[in-house]
Amino acid sequence: QAQLYESGGGSVQAGGSLRLSCEVSGYIGTQCMGWFRQVPGKAREGVATIDINGGTTYAESVKGRFTISKDNTKDILYLQMNSLKPDDTATFYCASDARREFPCRVIPGITAPFGYEYSYWGQGIQVVVSS
């Protein structure tokens, strides 16, 4: 069964950097891949997306600090996070979908753009940023 596995999380001080990785196991269409995050008591929110052509979108709160990228030869999705802030503390999830018509973009407050739910999700990985 195809799955996504996140790695690279951990604890860091404010201003520091982390790089998250999401490895694809098995065949998963990657028309669109994205990173999301969630804190207890709040809804999951989109952080960044990347489409099959390399087009990217970001949440306003991470623009200029986070970079999403993908190694197509290794089927690994990355999220480089710089200038981390305590507000970035969350569980981060990667997701993927194979549909060509999937709207691959971050929309504030929505994890299923225009009703399209991501087909695959990772198990989540913790990121803690201390002040």
C-alpha atoms as a PDB file:
ATOM      1  CA  GLN A   1       0.000   0.000   0.000  1.00  0.00           C
ATOM      2  CA  ALA A   2       1.368   3.397  -0.946  1.00  0.00           C
ATOM      3  CA  GLN A   3       2.294   5.627   1.977  1.00  0.00           C
ATOM      4  CA  LEU A   4       3.991   8.889   2.881  1.00  0.00           C
ATOM      5  CA  TYR A   5       6.621   9.104   5.640  1.00  0.00           C
ATOM      6  CA  GLU A   6       7.728  12.383   7.180  1.00  0.00           C
ATOM      7  CA  SER A   7      11.100  12.896   8.867  1.00  0.00           C
ATOM      8  CA  GLY A   8      13.340  15.736   9.982  1.00  0.00           C
ATOM      9  CA  GLY A   9      11.226  17.210  12.741  1.00  0.00           C
ATOM     10  CA  GLY A  10      12.501  18.101  16.178  1.00  0.00           C
ATOM     11  CA  SER A  11      13.177  20.982  18.524  1.00  0.00           C
ATOM     12  CA  VAL A  12      14.947  24.177  17.593  1.00  0.00           C
ATOM     13  CA  GLN A  13      15.366  27.649  19.012  1.00  0.00           C
ATOM     14  CA  ALA A  14      13.670  30.635  17.461  1.00  0.00           C
ATOM     15  CA  GLY A  15      15.592  31.834  14.428  1.00  0.00           C
ATOM     16  CA  GLY A  16      16.853  28.366  13.664  1.00  0.00           C
ATOM     17  CA  SER A  17      16.207  26.086  10.700  1.00  0.00           C
ATOM     18  CA  LEU A  18      14.864  22.619  10.042  1.00  0.00           C
ATOM     19  CA  ARG A  19      14.305  20.624   6.879  1.00  0.00           C
ATOM     20  CA  LEU A  20      11.385  18.236   6.732  1.00  0.00           C
ATOM     21  CA  SER A  21      11.358  15.337   4.307  1.00  0.00           C
ATOM     22  CA  CYS A  22       8.432  13.287   3.040  1.00  0.00           C
ATOM     23  CA  GLU A  23       9.332  10.016   1.380  1.00  0.00           C
ATOM     24  CA  VAL A  24       6.901   8.297  -0.937  1.00  0.00           C
ATOM     25  CA  SER A  25       6.599   4.535  -0.541  1.00  0.00           C
ATOM     26  CA  GLY A  26       4.896   2.700  -3.341  1.00  0.00           C
ATOM     27  CA  TYR A  27       3.168   4.355  -6.247  1.00  0.00           C
ATOM     28  CA  ILE A  28       1.433   7.612  -5.419  1.00  0.00           C
ATOM     29  CA  GLY A  29       0.547  10.068  -8.081  1.00  0.00           C
ATOM     30  CA  THR A  30       2.199  13.357  -7.274  1.00  0.00           C
ATOM     31  CA  GLN A  31       0.255  15.772  -9.411  1.00  0.00           C
ATOM     32  CA  CYS A  32       0.105  17.868  -6.287  1.00  0.00           C
ATOM     33  CA  MET A  33       1.991  17.560  -3.011  1.00  0.00           C
ATOM     34  CA  GLY A  34       1.681  19.748   0.006  1.00  0.00           C
ATOM     35  CA  TRP A  35       2.718  20.430   3.568  1.00  0.00           C
ATOM     36  CA  PHE A  36       0.192  21.161   6.284  1.00  0.00           C
ATOM     37  CA  ARG A  37       0.431  21.793   9.995  1.00  0.00           C
ATOM     38  CA  GLN A  38      -1.815  21.540  12.996  1.00  0.00           C
ATOM     39  CA  VAL A  39      -1.684  22.578  16.624  1.00  0.00           C
ATOM     40  CA  PRO A  40      -3.938  21.054  19.288  1.00  0.00           C
ATOM     41  CA  GLY A  41      -7.350  22.658  19.338  1.00  0.00           C
ATOM     42  CA  LYS A  42      -6.968  24.282  15.934  1.00  0.00           C
ATOM     43  CA  ALA A  43      -7.803  23.239  12.413  1.00  0.00           C
ATOM     44  CA  ARG A  44      -5.161  21.863  10.120  1.00  0.00           C
ATOM     45  CA  GLU A  45      -3.820  24.561   7.797  1.00  0.00           C
ATOM     46  CA  GLY A  46      -2.001  24.555   4.515  1.00  0.00           C
ATOM     47  CA  VAL A  47       1.640  25.625   4.548  1.00  0.00           C
ATOM     48  CA  ALA A  48       2.904  25.074   1.005  1.00  0.00           C
ATOM     49  CA  THR A  49       2.108  23.156  -2.169  1.00  0.00           C
ATOM     50  CA  ILE A  50       4.047  22.110  -5.239  1.00  0.00           C
ATOM     51  CA  ASP A  51       2.549  20.842  -8.476  1.00  0.00           C
ATOM     52  CA  ILE A  52       3.959  18.424 -11.007  1.00  0.00           C
ATOM     53  CA  ASN A  53       5.497  21.297 -12.981  1.00  0.00           C
ATOM     54  CA  GLY A  54       7.235  22.724  -9.935  1.00  0.00           C
ATOM     55  CA  GLY A  55       4.783  25.542  -9.367  1.00  0.00           C
ATOM     56  CA  THR A  56       4.569  26.503  -5.687  1.00  0.00           C
ATOM     57  CA  THR A  57       2.211  28.346  -3.368  1.00  0.00           C
ATOM     58  CA  TYR A  58       2.666  29.324   0.270  1.00  0.00           C
ATOM     59  CA  ALA A  59       0.687  30.481   3.239  1.00  0.00           C
ATOM     60  CA  GLU A  60       1.264  34.171   3.905  1.00  0.00           C
ATOM     61  CA  SER A  61       2.685  33.388   7.330  1.00  0.00           C
ATOM     62  CA  VAL A  62       5.604  31.390   5.899  1.00  0.00           C
ATOM     63  CA  LYS A  63       6.405  33.283   2.705  1.00  0.00           C
ATOM     64  CA  GLY A  64      10.068  34.199   2.541  1.00  0.00           C
ATOM     65  CA  ARG A  65      10.944  31.745   5.316  1.00  0.00           C
ATOM     66  CA  PHE A  66       9.853  28.308   4.053  1.00  0.00           C
ATOM     67  CA  THR A  67      10.684  26.651   0.745  1.00  0.00           C
ATOM     68  CA  ILE A  68       8.945  23.588  -0.660  1.00  0.00           C
ATOM     69  CA  SER A  69      10.777  21.429  -3.172  1.00  0.00           C
ATOM     70  CA  LYS A  70      10.669  17.941  -4.596  1.00  0.00           C
ATOM     71  CA  ASP A  71      13.264  15.475  -5.796  1.00  0.00           C
ATOM     72  CA  ASN A  72      11.421  13.670  -8.559  1.00  0.00           C
ATOM     73  CA  THR A  73      14.138  11.045  -9.020  1.00  0.00           C
ATOM     74  CA  LYS A  74      13.918   9.964  -5.385  1.00  0.00           C
ATOM     75  CA  ASP A  75      10.228  10.727  -4.824  1.00  0.00           C
ATOM     76  CA  ILE A  76      10.983  12.890  -1.800  1.00  0.00           C
ATOM     77  CA  LEU A  77       9.217  16.100  -0.864  1.00  0.00           C
ATOM     78  CA  TYR A  78      11.053  18.678   1.241  1.00  0.00           C
ATOM     79  CA  LEU A  79      10.164  21.687   3.338  1.00  0.00           C
ATOM     80  CA  GLN A  80      13.100  23.914   4.223  1.00  0.00           C
ATOM     81  CA  MET A  81      12.105  26.055   7.186  1.00  0.00           C
ATOM     82  CA  ASN A  82      14.273  29.044   8.091  1.00  0.00           C
ATOM     83  CA  SER A  83      13.863  31.852  10.620  1.00  0.00           C
ATOM     84  CA  LEU A  84      11.568  29.651  12.664  1.00  0.00           C
ATOM     85  CA  LYS A  85       9.272  31.268  15.188  1.00  0.00           C
ATOM     86  CA  PRO A  86       7.538  29.832  18.269  1.00  0.00           C
ATOM     87  CA  ASP A  87       4.242  30.187  16.341  1.00  0.00           C
ATOM     88  CA  ASP A  88       5.558  27.586  13.880  1.00  0.00           C
ATOM     89  CA  THR A  89       5.339  24.929  16.589  1.00  0.00           C
ATOM     90  CA  ALA A  90       2.975  22.264  15.250  1.00  0.00           C
ATOM     91  CA  THR A  91       2.607  18.772  13.886  1.00  0.00           C
ATOM     92  CA  PHE A  92       3.494  18.887  10.209  1.00  0.00           C
ATOM     93  CA  TYR A  93       1.913  16.596   7.631  1.00  0.00           C
ATOM     94  CA  CYS A  94       2.677  15.935   3.983  1.00  0.00           C
ATOM     95  CA  ALA A  95      -0.028  15.040   1.516  1.00  0.00           C
ATOM     96  CA  SER A  96      -0.301  14.016  -2.117  1.00  0.00           C
ATOM     97  CA  ASP A  97      -2.864  13.656  -4.852  1.00  0.00           C
ATOM     98  CA  ALA A  98      -2.693  12.263  -8.376  1.00  0.00           C
ATOM     99  CA  ARG A  99      -5.671  13.889 -10.065  1.00  0.00           C
ATOM    100  CA  ARG A 100      -4.765  16.208 -12.920  1.00  0.00           C
ATOM    101  CA  GLU A 101      -7.615  18.532 -12.042  1.00  0.00           C
ATOM    102  CA  PHE A 102      -6.564  18.813  -8.395  1.00  0.00           C
ATOM    103  CA  PRO A 103      -6.373  22.527  -7.451  1.00  0.00           C
ATOM    104  CA  CYS A 104      -2.811  22.625  -6.161  1.00  0.00           C
ATOM    105  CA  ARG A 105      -2.670  25.732  -4.019  1.00  0.00           C
ATOM    106  CA  VAL A 106      -2.760  26.877  -0.431  1.00  0.00           C
ATOM    107  CA  ILE A 107      -6.115  28.345   0.482  1.00  0.00           C
ATOM    108  CA  PRO A 108      -6.338  29.899   3.971  1.00  0.00           C
ATOM    109  CA  GLY A 109      -8.403  27.825   6.333  1.00  0.00           C
ATOM    110  CA  ILE A 110      -9.014  25.008   3.892  1.00  0.00           C
ATOM    111  CA  THR A 111      -7.240  21.650   3.514  1.00  0.00           C
ATOM    112  CA  ALA A 112      -9.546  20.457   0.727  1.00  0.00           C
ATOM    113  CA  PRO A 113      -9.380  23.134  -1.981  1.00  0.00           C
ATOM    114  CA  PHE A 114     -12.712  23.450  -3.773  1.00  0.00           C
ATOM    115  CA  GLY A 115     -13.820  20.223  -2.116  1.00  0.00           C
ATOM    116  CA  TYR A 116     -10.904  18.115  -3.326  1.00  0.00           C
ATOM    117  CA  GLU A 117      -9.517  16.052  -0.448  1.00  0.00           C
ATOM    118  CA  TYR A 118      -5.903  14.918  -0.680  1.00  0.00           C
ATOM    119  CA  SER A 119      -5.799  11.166  -1.324  1.00  0.00           C
ATOM    120  CA  TYR A 120      -2.732  10.386   0.785  1.00  0.00           C
ATOM    121  CA  TRP A 121      -1.467  11.777   4.074  1.00  0.00           C
ATOM    122  CA  GLY A 122       1.623  11.098   6.150  1.00  0.00           C
ATOM    123  CA  GLN A 123       1.435  10.297   9.844  1.00  0.00           C
ATOM    124  CA  GLY A 124       2.704  13.692  10.937  1.00  0.00           C
ATOM    125  CA  ILE A 125       5.901  14.865  12.589  1.00  0.00           C
ATOM    126  CA  GLN A 126       6.415  17.265  15.464  1.00  0.00           C
ATOM    127  CA  VAL A 127       8.238  20.585  15.179  1.00  0.00           C
ATOM    128  CA  VAL A 128       8.866  22.573  18.358  1.00  0.00           C
ATOM    129  CA  VAL A 129      10.327  26.067  18.255  1.00  0.00           C
ATOM    130  CA  SER A 130      11.355  27.540  21.579  1.00  0.00           C
ATOM    131  CA  SER A 131      11.818  31.227  22.307  1.00  0.00           C
END
